[in-house]
Amino acid sequence: MEKTREHFSPNVVLENWNELIKALPQMNEPELKRALAVEVGNDRRKDFILRLHRRYTKLRQSRELKEYLA
C-alpha cells in the first residue's frame, strides 16, 4: 500500500474546504480512503464526504478496470 504523503494527510486536507478542493486532484487512492475514514469518524461533513467518496470511487474504478483488462 502506498504511503500517505504529508501534505495529503487527513489533518491537512480536512482542515477546510479550500484545502480539500486544492488537494483532491493530486491525492491517490490510499490517501483518499484515509481522509474519508477520518471524516466519517469525526466531523461527518456531508459535502466533504461526498467529494472524497466520489474521487475515491473514480480512482478505484479506473484501477480495477485496468486490472481486469490486463
Protein backbone atom coordinates (compact mmCIF):
# COMPACT_ATOMS: atom_id res chain seq x y z
CA MET A 1 0.00 0.00 0.00
CA GLU A 2 1.22 3.45 -0.86
CA LYS A 3 2.38 5.74 1.90
CA THR A 4 0.42 8.91 2.65
CA ARG A 5 2.33 11.98 1.58
CA GLU A 6 2.48 14.52 4.39
CA HIS A 7 0.79 17.35 2.51
CA PHE A 8 -2.12 14.99 1.72
CA SER A 9 -2.59 13.65 5.23
CA PRO A 10 -6.14 13.86 6.61
CA ASN A 11 -5.28 16.53 9.19
CA VAL A 12 -4.05 18.85 6.41
CA VAL A 13 -6.61 18.06 3.71
CA LEU A 14 -9.63 18.17 6.03
CA GLU A 15 -8.65 21.46 7.63
CA ASN A 16 -11.10 23.43 5.49
CA TRP A 17 -12.98 23.32 2.19
CA ASN A 18 -10.29 25.18 0.21
CA GLU A 19 -7.59 22.71 1.29
CA LEU A 20 -9.77 19.78 0.29
CA ILE A 21 -10.61 21.16 -3.16
CA LYS A 22 -6.97 22.05 -3.79
CA ALA A 23 -5.71 18.58 -2.77
CA LEU A 24 -8.35 16.31 -4.35
CA PRO A 25 -6.90 16.16 -7.90
CA GLN A 26 -3.45 15.11 -6.64
CA MET A 27 -4.50 12.60 -3.95
CA ASN A 28 -4.02 8.89 -4.54
CA GLU A 29 -6.42 6.11 -3.61
CA PRO A 30 -4.99 5.27 -0.13
CA GLU A 31 -4.83 8.96 0.83
CA LEU A 32 -8.46 9.43 -0.17
CA LYS A 33 -9.53 6.34 1.75
CA ARG A 34 -7.75 7.53 4.92
CA ALA A 35 -9.21 11.03 4.66
CA LEU A 36 -12.68 9.58 4.07
CA ALA A 37 -12.36 7.32 7.12
CA VAL A 38 -11.25 10.23 9.31
CA GLU A 39 -14.07 12.48 8.09
CA VAL A 40 -16.72 9.80 8.62
CA GLY A 41 -15.34 9.05 12.08
CA ASN A 42 -15.06 12.66 13.23
CA ASP A 43 -16.77 15.70 11.76
CA ARG A 44 -19.10 13.98 9.29
CA ARG A 45 -19.37 17.00 7.00
CA LYS A 46 -21.65 15.78 4.22
CA ASP A 47 -20.05 17.84 1.43
CA PHE A 48 -16.55 16.63 2.36
CA ILE A 49 -17.67 13.00 2.45
CA LEU A 50 -19.42 13.27 -0.92
CA ARG A 51 -16.40 14.81 -2.65
CA LEU A 52 -13.91 12.38 -1.11
CA HIS A 53 -16.06 9.36 -1.89
CA ARG A 54 -16.69 10.48 -5.47
CA ARG A 55 -12.98 10.90 -6.17
CA TYR A 56 -12.01 7.69 -4.34
CA THR A 57 -14.59 5.67 -6.27
CA LYS A 58 -13.44 7.11 -9.58
CA LEU A 59 -9.80 6.17 -8.92
CA ARG A 60 -10.72 2.73 -7.60
CA GLN A 61 -12.95 2.02 -10.58
CA SER A 62 -10.19 3.02 -13.00
CA ARG A 63 -7.62 0.83 -11.21
CA GLU A 64 -9.95 -2.18 -11.07
CA LEU A 65 -10.82 -1.89 -14.75
CA LYS A 66 -7.12 -1.82 -15.67
CA GLU A 67 -6.55 -4.93 -13.54
CA TYR A 68 -9.44 -6.78 -15.21
CA LEU A 69 -8.27 -5.87 -18.70
CA ALA A 70 -4.60 -6.69 -18.09
